[in-house]
Amino acid sequence: MYSFSKEELLKIAKLSALHLDENEIEQFAKELQIILEYSSMLNKVVSEEKLEAKPFKTNVFRDDVAIATDSKEILENAPQKKDTFFVVPKIL
């Protein structure tokens, strides 16, 4: 069980950008003690099973297959065209 000195608590509070009064320092010490006890419990737990990172798939998407089309056939469906281009209204 680890206990903190007042100076250590004030240093931790300063690093955490906390401004604590005397009552809050006592409460902070209690809460920090609970956290440390919990983390020491976790350190004592022995894990029998080894965890391994599973490889992830880098490309899960299908390959895009280009479909050969005739540009004349596509332009036949356009409402307006000029040579091999679509004609659209000006925006600006």
PDB file of N, CA and C in Angstrom:
ATOM      1  N   MET A   1       0.846  -1.177   0.000  1.00  0.00           N
ATOM      2  CA  MET A   1       0.000   0.000   0.000  1.00  0.00           C
ATOM      3  C   MET A   1       0.888   1.234   0.000  1.00  0.00           C
ATOM      4  N   TYR A   2       0.696   2.081  -0.982  1.00  0.00           N
ATOM      5  CA  TYR A   2       1.540   3.254  -1.155  1.00  0.00           C
ATOM      6  C   TYR A   2       0.815   4.471  -0.621  1.00  0.00           C
ATOM      7  N   SER A   3       1.516   5.281   0.134  1.00  0.00           N
ATOM      8  CA  SER A   3       0.915   6.524   0.613  1.00  0.00           C
ATOM      9  C   SER A   3       1.713   7.691   0.047  1.00  0.00           C
ATOM     10  N   PHE A   4       1.040   8.789  -0.150  1.00  0.00           N
ATOM     11  CA  PHE A   4       1.646   9.966  -0.755  1.00  0.00           C
ATOM     12  C   PHE A   4       1.909  11.026   0.293  1.00  0.00           C
ATOM     13  N   SER A   5       3.000  11.732   0.110  1.00  0.00           N
ATOM     14  CA  SER A   5       3.234  12.897   0.960  1.00  0.00           C
ATOM     15  C   SER A   5       2.431  14.060   0.380  1.00  0.00           C
ATOM     16  N   LYS A   6       2.265  15.083   1.178  1.00  0.00           N
ATOM     17  CA  LYS A   6       1.506  16.244   0.724  1.00  0.00           C
ATOM     18  C   LYS A   6       2.193  16.891  -0.476  1.00  0.00           C
ATOM     19  N   GLU A   7       3.526  16.910  -0.461  1.00  0.00           N
ATOM     20  CA  GLU A   7       4.274  17.513  -1.565  1.00  0.00           C
ATOM     21  C   GLU A   7       4.047  16.735  -2.865  1.00  0.00           C
ATOM     22  N   GLU A   8       4.037  15.400  -2.748  1.00  0.00           N
ATOM     23  CA  GLU A   8       3.796  14.577  -3.937  1.00  0.00           C
ATOM     24  C   GLU A   8       2.393  14.819  -4.492  1.00  0.00           C
ATOM     25  N   LEU A   9       1.420  14.912  -3.589  1.00  0.00           N
ATOM     26  CA  LEU A   9       0.050  15.167  -4.025  1.00  0.00           C
ATOM     27  C   LEU A   9      -0.068  16.519  -4.710  1.00  0.00           C
ATOM     28  N   LEU A  10       0.583  17.528  -4.144  1.00  0.00           N
ATOM     29  CA  LEU A  10       0.531  18.858  -4.751  1.00  0.00           C
ATOM     30  C   LEU A  10       1.220  18.865  -6.115  1.00  0.00           C
ATOM     31  N   LYS A  11       2.313  18.115  -6.234  1.00  0.00           N
ATOM     32  CA  LYS A  11       3.009  18.039  -7.521  1.00  0.00           C
ATOM     33  C   LYS A  11       2.128  17.347  -8.564  1.00  0.00           C
ATOM     34  N   ILE A  12       1.482  16.242  -8.172  1.00  0.00           N
ATOM     35  CA  ILE A  12       0.578  15.536  -9.090  1.00  0.00           C
ATOM     36  C   ILE A  12      -0.579  16.445  -9.488  1.00  0.00           C
ATOM     37  N   ALA A  13      -1.118  17.168  -8.517  1.00  0.00           N
ATOM     38  CA  ALA A  13      -2.223  18.083  -8.804  1.00  0.00           C
ATOM     39  C   ALA A  13      -1.776  19.182  -9.759  1.00  0.00           C
ATOM     40  N   LYS A  14      -0.576  19.705  -9.559  1.00  0.00           N
ATOM     41  CA  LYS A  14      -0.068  20.764 -10.438  1.00  0.00           C
ATOM     42  C   LYS A  14       0.121  20.229 -11.858  1.00  0.00           C
ATOM     43  N   LEU A  15       0.697  19.026 -11.982  1.00  0.00           N
ATOM     44  CA  LEU A  15       0.884  18.426 -13.304  1.00  0.00           C
ATOM     45  C   LEU A  15      -0.452  18.146 -13.988  1.00  0.00           C
ATOM     46  N   SER A  16      -1.482  17.907 -13.184  1.00  0.00           N
ATOM     47  CA  SER A  16      -2.816  17.636 -13.721  1.00  0.00           C
ATOM     48  C   SER A  16      -3.637  18.906 -13.892  1.00  0.00           C
ATOM     49  N   ALA A  17      -3.024  20.054 -13.628  1.00  0.00           N
ATOM     50  CA  ALA A  17      -3.689  21.360 -13.722  1.00  0.00           C
ATOM     51  C   ALA A  17      -4.907  21.418 -12.799  1.00  0.00           C
ATOM     52  N   LEU A  18      -4.748  20.868 -11.582  1.00  0.00           N
ATOM     53  CA  LEU A  18      -5.802  20.910 -10.573  1.00  0.00           C
ATOM     54  C   LEU A  18      -5.411  21.899  -9.488  1.00  0.00           C
ATOM     55  N   HIS A  19      -6.359  22.705  -9.075  1.00  0.00           N
ATOM     56  CA  HIS A  19      -6.137  23.641  -7.973  1.00  0.00           C
ATOM     57  C   HIS A  19      -6.962  23.135  -6.795  1.00  0.00           C
ATOM     58  N   LEU A  20      -6.268  22.591  -5.788  1.00  0.00           N
ATOM     59  CA  LEU A  20      -6.947  21.927  -4.683  1.00  0.00           C
ATOM     60  C   LEU A  20      -6.739  22.680  -3.378  1.00  0.00           C
ATOM     61  N   ASP A  21      -7.810  22.753  -2.567  1.00  0.00           N
ATOM     62  CA  ASP A  21      -7.653  23.285  -1.214  1.00  0.00           C
ATOM     63  C   ASP A  21      -7.354  22.117  -0.272  1.00  0.00           C
ATOM     64  N   GLU A  22      -7.255  22.377   1.017  1.00  0.00           N
ATOM     65  CA  GLU A  22      -6.864  21.338   1.980  1.00  0.00           C
ATOM     66  C   GLU A  22      -7.830  20.156   1.995  1.00  0.00           C
ATOM     67  N   ASN A  23      -9.135  20.432   1.971  1.00  0.00           N
ATOM     68  CA  ASN A  23     -10.125  19.343   1.981  1.00  0.00           C
ATOM     69  C   ASN A  23     -10.040  18.512   0.707  1.00  0.00           C
ATOM     70  N   GLU A  24      -9.842  19.193  -0.405  1.00  0.00           N
ATOM     71  CA  GLU A  24      -9.757  18.486  -1.680  1.00  0.00           C
ATOM     72  C   GLU A  24      -8.487  17.644  -1.764  1.00  0.00           C
ATOM     73  N   ILE A  25      -7.418  18.096  -1.125  1.00  0.00           N
ATOM     74  CA  ILE A  25      -6.174  17.322  -1.118  1.00  0.00           C
ATOM     75  C   ILE A  25      -6.391  15.988  -0.418  1.00  0.00           C
ATOM     76  N   GLU A  26      -7.106  16.006   0.708  1.00  0.00           N
ATOM     77  CA  GLU A  26      -7.395  14.764   1.428  1.00  0.00           C
ATOM     78  C   GLU A  26      -8.254  13.826   0.575  1.00  0.00           C
ATOM     79  N   GLN A  27      -9.270  14.391  -0.072  1.00  0.00           N
ATOM     80  CA  GLN A  27     -10.143  13.586  -0.936  1.00  0.00           C
ATOM     81  C   GLN A  27      -9.354  13.032  -2.123  1.00  0.00           C
ATOM     82  N   PHE A  28      -8.482  13.866  -2.697  1.00  0.00           N
ATOM     83  CA  PHE A  28      -7.641  13.458  -3.825  1.00  0.00           C
ATOM     84  C   PHE A  28      -6.728  12.310  -3.407  1.00  0.00           C
ATOM     85  N   ALA A  29      -6.178  12.383  -2.202  1.00  0.00           N
ATOM     86  CA  ALA A  29      -5.293  11.328  -1.701  1.00  0.00           C
ATOM     87  C   ALA A  29      -6.052  10.012  -1.564  1.00  0.00           C
ATOM     88  N   LYS A  30      -7.284  10.071  -1.043  1.00  0.00           N
ATOM     89  CA  LYS A  30      -8.088   8.857  -0.889  1.00  0.00           C
ATOM     90  C   LYS A  30      -8.422   8.232  -2.249  1.00  0.00           C
ATOM     91  N   GLU A  31      -8.831   9.082  -3.187  1.00  0.00           N
ATOM     92  CA  GLU A  31      -9.202   8.576  -4.511  1.00  0.00           C
ATOM     93  C   GLU A  31      -7.991   8.003  -5.242  1.00  0.00           C
ATOM     94  N   LEU A  32      -6.858   8.669  -5.105  1.00  0.00           N
ATOM     95  CA  LEU A  32      -5.637   8.186  -5.743  1.00  0.00           C
ATOM     96  C   LEU A  32      -5.205   6.854  -5.132  1.00  0.00           C
ATOM     97  N   GLN A  33      -5.387   6.705  -3.839  1.00  0.00           N
ATOM     98  CA  GLN A  33      -5.064   5.452  -3.162  1.00  0.00           C
ATOM     99  C   GLN A  33      -5.933   4.313  -3.690  1.00  0.00           C
ATOM    100  N   ILE A  34      -7.222   4.584  -3.889  1.00  0.00           N
ATOM    101  CA  ILE A  34      -8.140   3.571  -4.421  1.00  0.00           C
ATOM    102  C   ILE A  34      -7.707   3.148  -5.824  1.00  0.00           C
ATOM    103  N   ILE A  35      -7.317   4.127  -6.631  1.00  0.00           N
ATOM    104  CA  ILE A  35      -6.871   3.833  -8.000  1.00  0.00           C
ATOM    105  C   ILE A  35      -5.621   2.964  -7.973  1.00  0.00           C
ATOM    106  N   LEU A  36      -4.675   3.297  -7.104  1.00  0.00           N
ATOM    107  CA  LEU A  36      -3.438   2.518  -7.024  1.00  0.00           C
ATOM    108  C   LEU A  36      -3.691   1.103  -6.515  1.00  0.00           C
ATOM    109  N   GLU A  37      -4.606   0.954  -5.565  1.00  0.00           N
ATOM    110  CA  GLU A  37      -4.947  -0.383  -5.077  1.00  0.00           C
ATOM    111  C   GLU A  37      -5.578  -1.212  -6.193  1.00  0.00           C
ATOM    112  N   TYR A  38      -6.429  -0.582  -6.969  1.00  0.00           N
ATOM    113  CA  TYR A  38      -7.063  -1.287  -8.082  1.00  0.00           C
ATOM    114  C   TYR A  38      -6.024  -1.699  -9.121  1.00  0.00           C
ATOM    115  N   SER A  39      -5.091  -0.805  -9.434  1.00  0.00           N
ATOM    116  CA  SER A  39      -4.070  -1.156 -10.428  1.00  0.00           C
ATOM    117  C   SER A  39      -3.147  -2.254  -9.906  1.00  0.00           C
ATOM    118  N   SER A  40      -2.877  -2.274  -8.598  1.00  0.00           N
ATOM    119  CA  SER A  40      -2.046  -3.355  -8.058  1.00  0.00           C
ATOM    120  C   SER A  40      -2.794  -4.687  -8.120  1.00  0.00           C
ATOM    121  N   MET A  41      -4.128  -4.656  -7.949  1.00  0.00           N
ATOM    122  CA  MET A  41      -4.925  -5.870  -8.113  1.00  0.00           C
ATOM    123  C   MET A  41      -4.815  -6.383  -9.540  1.00  0.00           C
ATOM    124  N   LEU A  42      -4.856  -5.486 -10.496  1.00  0.00           N
ATOM    125  CA  LEU A  42      -4.749  -5.895 -11.897  1.00  0.00           C
ATOM    126  C   LEU A  42      -3.380  -6.480 -12.197  1.00  0.00           C
ATOM    127  N   ASN A  43      -2.347  -5.961 -11.556  1.00  0.00           N
ATOM    128  CA  ASN A  43      -1.001  -6.494 -11.767  1.00  0.00           C
ATOM    129  C   ASN A  43      -0.863  -7.910 -11.222  1.00  0.00           C
ATOM    130  N   LYS A  44      -1.642  -8.241 -10.188  1.00  0.00           N
ATOM    131  CA  LYS A  44      -1.558  -9.565  -9.582  1.00  0.00           C
ATOM    132  C   LYS A  44      -2.283 -10.630 -10.400  1.00  0.00           C
ATOM    133  N   VAL A  45      -3.200 -10.217 -11.242  1.00  0.00           N
ATOM    134  CA  VAL A  45      -3.966 -11.166 -12.042  1.00  0.00           C
ATOM    135  C   VAL A  45      -3.033 -11.815 -13.054  1.00  0.00           C
ATOM    136  N   VAL A  46      -3.059 -13.133 -13.063  1.00  0.00           N
ATOM    137  CA  VAL A  46      -2.217 -13.881 -13.991  1.00  0.00           C
ATOM    138  C   VAL A  46      -3.089 -14.323 -15.155  1.00  0.00           C
ATOM    139  N   SER A  47      -2.672 -13.960 -16.310  1.00  0.00           N
ATOM    140  CA  SER A  47      -3.409 -14.349 -17.503  1.00  0.00           C
ATOM    141  C   SER A  47      -2.754 -15.580 -18.101  1.00  0.00           C
ATOM    142  N   GLU A  48      -3.505 -16.667 -18.160  1.00  0.00           N
ATOM    143  CA  GLU A  48      -2.982 -17.912 -18.705  1.00  0.00           C
ATOM    144  C   GLU A  48      -2.896 -17.847 -20.226  1.00  0.00           C
ATOM    145  N   GLU A  49      -3.831 -17.187 -20.803  1.00  0.00           N
ATOM    146  CA  GLU A  49      -3.945 -17.174 -22.252  1.00  0.00           C
ATOM    147  C   GLU A  49      -3.131 -16.020 -22.835  1.00  0.00           C
ATOM    148  N   LYS A  50      -2.332 -16.336 -23.819  1.00  0.00           N
ATOM    149  CA  LYS A  50      -1.562 -15.293 -24.481  1.00  0.00           C
ATOM    150  C   LYS A  50      -2.436 -14.649 -25.543  1.00  0.00           C
ATOM    151  N   LEU A  51      -2.414 -13.350 -25.543  1.00  0.00           N
ATOM    152  CA  LEU A  51      -3.203 -12.628 -26.530  1.00  0.00           C
ATOM    153  C   LEU A  51      -2.315 -12.264 -27.707  1.00  0.00           C
ATOM    154  N   GLU A  52      -2.806 -12.522 -28.868  1.00  0.00           N
ATOM    155  CA  GLU A  52      -2.063 -12.192 -30.076  1.00  0.00           C
ATOM    156  C   GLU A  52      -2.923 -11.295 -30.947  1.00  0.00           C
ATOM    157  N   ALA A  53      -2.264 -10.378 -31.591  1.00  0.00           N
ATOM    158  CA  ALA A  53      -2.982  -9.512 -32.514  1.00  0.00           C
ATOM    159  C   ALA A  53      -3.306 -10.286 -33.779  1.00  0.00           C
ATOM    160  N   LYS A  54      -4.535 -10.226 -34.171  1.00  0.00           N
ATOM    161  CA  LYS A  54      -4.935 -10.917 -35.389  1.00  0.00           C
ATOM    162  C   LYS A  54      -4.599 -10.028 -36.583  1.00  0.00           C
ATOM    163  N   PRO A  55      -4.092 -10.637 -37.635  1.00  0.00           N
ATOM    164  CA  PRO A  55      -3.792  -9.818 -38.815  1.00  0.00           C
ATOM    165  C   PRO A  55      -5.083  -9.266 -39.402  1.00  0.00           C
ATOM    166  N   PHE A  56      -5.012  -8.066 -39.868  1.00  0.00           N
ATOM    167  CA  PHE A  56      -6.196  -7.467 -40.449  1.00  0.00           C
ATOM    168  C   PHE A  56      -6.048  -7.406 -41.963  1.00  0.00           C
ATOM    169  N   LYS A  57      -7.163  -7.398 -42.612  1.00  0.00           N
ATOM    170  CA  LYS A  57      -7.155  -7.353 -44.068  1.00  0.00           C
ATOM    171  C   LYS A  57      -6.896  -5.914 -44.503  1.00  0.00           C
ATOM    172  N   THR A  58      -5.970  -5.758 -45.407  1.00  0.00           N
ATOM    173  CA  THR A  58      -5.639  -4.400 -45.833  1.00  0.00           C
ATOM    174  C   THR A  58      -6.613  -3.878 -46.870  1.00  0.00           C
ATOM    175  N   ASN A  59      -7.088  -4.726 -47.748  1.00  0.00           N
ATOM    176  CA  ASN A  59      -8.013  -4.276 -48.773  1.00  0.00           C
ATOM    177  C   ASN A  59      -9.191  -5.238 -48.803  1.00  0.00           C
ATOM    178  N   VAL A  60     -10.298  -4.804 -48.237  1.00  0.00           N
ATOM    179  CA  VAL A  60     -11.461  -5.673 -48.167  1.00  0.00           C
ATOM    180  C   VAL A  60     -12.451  -5.382 -49.292  1.00  0.00           C
ATOM    181  N   PHE A  61     -12.117  -4.422 -50.133  1.00  0.00           N
ATOM    182  CA  PHE A  61     -13.011  -4.058 -51.219  1.00  0.00           C
ATOM    183  C   PHE A  61     -12.681  -4.863 -52.472  1.00  0.00           C
ATOM    184  N   ARG A  62     -13.658  -5.021 -53.294  1.00  0.00           N
ATOM    185  CA  ARG A  62     -13.434  -5.754 -54.533  1.00  0.00           C
ATOM    186  C   ARG A  62     -12.657  -4.869 -55.501  1.00  0.00           C
ATOM    187  N   ASP A  63     -12.039  -5.487 -56.475  1.00  0.00           N
ATOM    188  CA  ASP A  63     -11.350  -4.732 -57.508  1.00  0.00           C
ATOM    189  C   ASP A  63     -12.380  -4.090 -58.425  1.00  0.00           C
ATOM    190  N   ASP A  64     -12.129  -2.843 -58.793  1.00  0.00           N
ATOM    191  CA  ASP A  64     -12.998  -2.170 -59.747  1.00  0.00           C
ATOM    192  C   ASP A  64     -12.662  -2.657 -61.145  1.00  0.00           C
ATOM    193  N   VAL A  65     -13.682  -3.063 -61.833  1.00  0.00           N
ATOM    194  CA  VAL A  65     -13.485  -3.548 -63.192  1.00  0.00           C
ATOM    195  C   VAL A  65     -14.060  -2.503 -64.138  1.00  0.00           C
ATOM    196  N   ALA A  66     -13.225  -1.985 -65.017  1.00  0.00           N
ATOM    197  CA  ALA A  66     -13.679  -0.985 -65.977  1.00  0.00           C
ATOM    198  C   ALA A  66     -14.476  -1.674 -67.074  1.00  0.00           C
ATOM    199  N   ILE A  67     -15.631  -1.101 -67.372  1.00  0.00           N
ATOM    200  CA  ILE A  67     -16.481  -1.652 -68.420  1.00  0.00           C
ATOM    201  C   ILE A  67     -16.255  -0.818 -69.675  1.00  0.00           C
ATOM    202  N   ALA A  68     -15.871  -1.452 -70.717  1.00  0.00           N
ATOM    203  CA  ALA A  68     -15.631  -0.744 -71.976  1.00  0.00           C
ATOM    204  C   ALA A  68     -16.966  -0.320 -72.571  1.00  0.00           C
ATOM    205  N   THR A  69     -17.113   0.978 -72.833  1.00  0.00           N
ATOM    206  CA  THR A  69     -18.337   1.498 -73.435  1.00  0.00           C
ATOM    207  C   THR A  69     -17.973   2.401 -74.598  1.00  0.00           C
ATOM    208  N   ASP A  70     -18.914   2.571 -75.437  1.00  0.00           N
ATOM    209  CA  ASP A  70     -18.729   3.420 -76.603  1.00  0.00           C
ATOM    210  C   ASP A  70     -19.177   4.832 -76.236  1.00  0.00           C
ATOM    211  N   SER A  71     -18.304   5.818 -76.401  1.00  0.00           N
ATOM    212  CA  SER A  71     -18.643   7.191 -76.028  1.00  0.00           C
ATOM    213  C   SER A  71     -19.774   7.736 -76.893  1.00  0.00           C
ATOM    214  N   LYS A  72     -19.888   7.308 -78.128  1.00  0.00           N
ATOM    215  CA  LYS A  72     -20.986   7.765 -78.993  1.00  0.00           C
ATOM    216  C   LYS A  72     -22.323   7.300 -78.430  1.00  0.00           C
ATOM    217  N   GLU A  73     -22.359   6.086 -77.929  1.00  0.00           N
ATOM    218  CA  GLU A  73     -23.592   5.542 -77.363  1.00  0.00           C
ATOM    219  C   GLU A  73     -23.997   6.327 -76.113  1.00  0.00           C
ATOM    220  N   ILE A  74     -23.020   6.699 -75.311  1.00  0.00           N
ATOM    221  CA  ILE A  74     -23.305   7.474 -74.101  1.00  0.00           C
ATOM    222  C   ILE A  74     -23.809   8.856 -74.476  1.00  0.00           C
ATOM    223  N   LEU A  75     -23.171   9.509 -75.447  1.00  0.00           N
ATOM    224  CA  LEU A  75     -23.574  10.857 -75.853  1.00  0.00           C
ATOM    225  C   LEU A  75     -24.951  10.877 -76.503  1.00  0.00           C
ATOM    226  N   GLU A  76     -25.406   9.778 -77.053  1.00  0.00           N
ATOM    227  CA  GLU A  76     -26.744   9.722 -77.646  1.00  0.00           C
ATOM    228  C   GLU A  76     -27.823   9.940 -76.591  1.00  0.00           C
ATOM    229  N   ASN A  77     -27.528   9.610 -75.341  1.00  0.00           N
ATOM    230  CA  ASN A  77     -28.503   9.774 -74.259  1.00  0.00           C
ATOM    231  C   ASN A  77     -28.449  11.154 -73.619  1.00  0.00           C
ATOM    232  N   ALA A  78     -27.502  11.993 -74.013  1.00  0.00           N
ATOM    233  CA  ALA A  78     -27.357  13.320 -73.419  1.00  0.00           C
ATOM    234  C   ALA A  78     -28.409  14.264 -73.990  1.00  0.00           C
ATOM    235  N   PRO A  79     -28.999  15.132 -73.141  1.00  0.00           N
ATOM    236  CA  PRO A  79     -29.985  16.085 -73.656  1.00  0.00           C
ATOM    237  C   PRO A  79     -29.345  17.101 -74.617  1.00  0.00           C
ATOM    238  N   GLN A  80     -28.102  17.520 -74.298  1.00  0.00           N
ATOM    239  CA  GLN A  80     -27.387  18.445 -75.182  1.00  0.00           C
ATOM    240  C   GLN A  80     -25.950  17.987 -75.286  1.00  0.00           C
ATOM    241  N   LYS A  81     -25.406  18.100 -76.489  1.00  0.00           N
ATOM    242  CA  LYS A  81     -24.022  17.692 -76.688  1.00  0.00           C
ATOM    243  C   LYS A  81     -23.412  18.543 -77.787  1.00  0.00           C
ATOM    244  N   LYS A  82     -22.094  18.631 -77.750  1.00  0.00           N
ATOM    245  CA  LYS A  82     -21.353  19.328 -78.796  1.00  0.00           C
ATOM    246  C   LYS A  82     -20.084  18.534 -79.028  1.00  0.00           C
ATOM    247  N   ASP A  83     -19.908  18.047 -80.208  1.00  0.00           N
ATOM    248  CA  ASP A  83     -18.806  17.170 -80.569  1.00  0.00           C
ATOM    249  C   ASP A  83     -18.812  15.952 -79.634  1.00  0.00           C
ATOM    250  N   THR A  84     -17.770  15.808 -78.802  1.00  0.00           N
ATOM    251  CA  THR A  84     -17.716  14.654 -77.895  1.00  0.00           C
ATOM    252  C   THR A  84     -17.874  15.076 -76.434  1.00  0.00           C
ATOM    253  N   PHE A  85     -18.600  16.202 -76.212  1.00  0.00           N
ATOM    254  CA  PHE A  85     -18.754  16.737 -74.855  1.00  0.00           C
ATOM    255  C   PHE A  85     -20.225  16.915 -74.508  1.00  0.00           C
ATOM    256  N   PHE A  86     -20.532  16.851 -73.211  1.00  0.00           N
ATOM    257  CA  PHE A  86     -21.857  17.195 -72.713  1.00  0.00           C
ATOM    258  C   PHE A  86     -21.944  18.711 -72.620  1.00  0.00           C
ATOM    259  N   VAL A  87     -23.093  19.268 -72.945  1.00  0.00           N
ATOM    260  CA  VAL A  87     -23.319  20.701 -72.798  1.00  0.00           C
ATOM    261  C   VAL A  87     -24.158  20.886 -71.541  1.00  0.00           C
ATOM    262  N   VAL A  88     -23.635  21.717 -70.621  1.00  0.00           N
ATOM    263  CA  VAL A  88     -24.338  21.990 -69.363  1.00  0.00           C
ATOM    264  C   VAL A  88     -24.449  23.494 -69.189  1.00  0.00           C
ATOM    265  N   PRO A  89     -25.419  23.972 -68.411  1.00  0.00           N
ATOM    266  CA  PRO A  89     -25.551  25.416 -68.217  1.00  0.00           C
ATOM    267  C   PRO A  89     -24.392  25.981 -67.401  1.00  0.00           C
ATOM    268  N   LYS A  90     -24.089  27.257 -67.655  1.00  0.00           N
ATOM    269  CA  LYS A  90     -23.038  27.932 -66.896  1.00  0.00           C
ATOM    270  C   LYS A  90     -23.516  28.145 -65.469  1.00  0.00           C
ATOM    271  N   ILE A  91     -22.608  28.007 -64.532  1.00  0.00           N
ATOM    272  CA  ILE A  91     -22.957  28.213 -63.127  1.00  0.00           C
ATOM    273  C   ILE A  91     -22.520  29.594 -62.676  1.00  0.00           C
ATOM    274  N   LEU A  92     -21.368  30.023 -63.078  1.00  0.00           N
ATOM    275  CA  LEU A  92     -20.864  31.335 -62.671  1.00  0.00           C
ATOM    276  C   LEU A  92     -20.997  32.333 -63.768  1.00  0.00           C
TER     277      LEU A  92
END
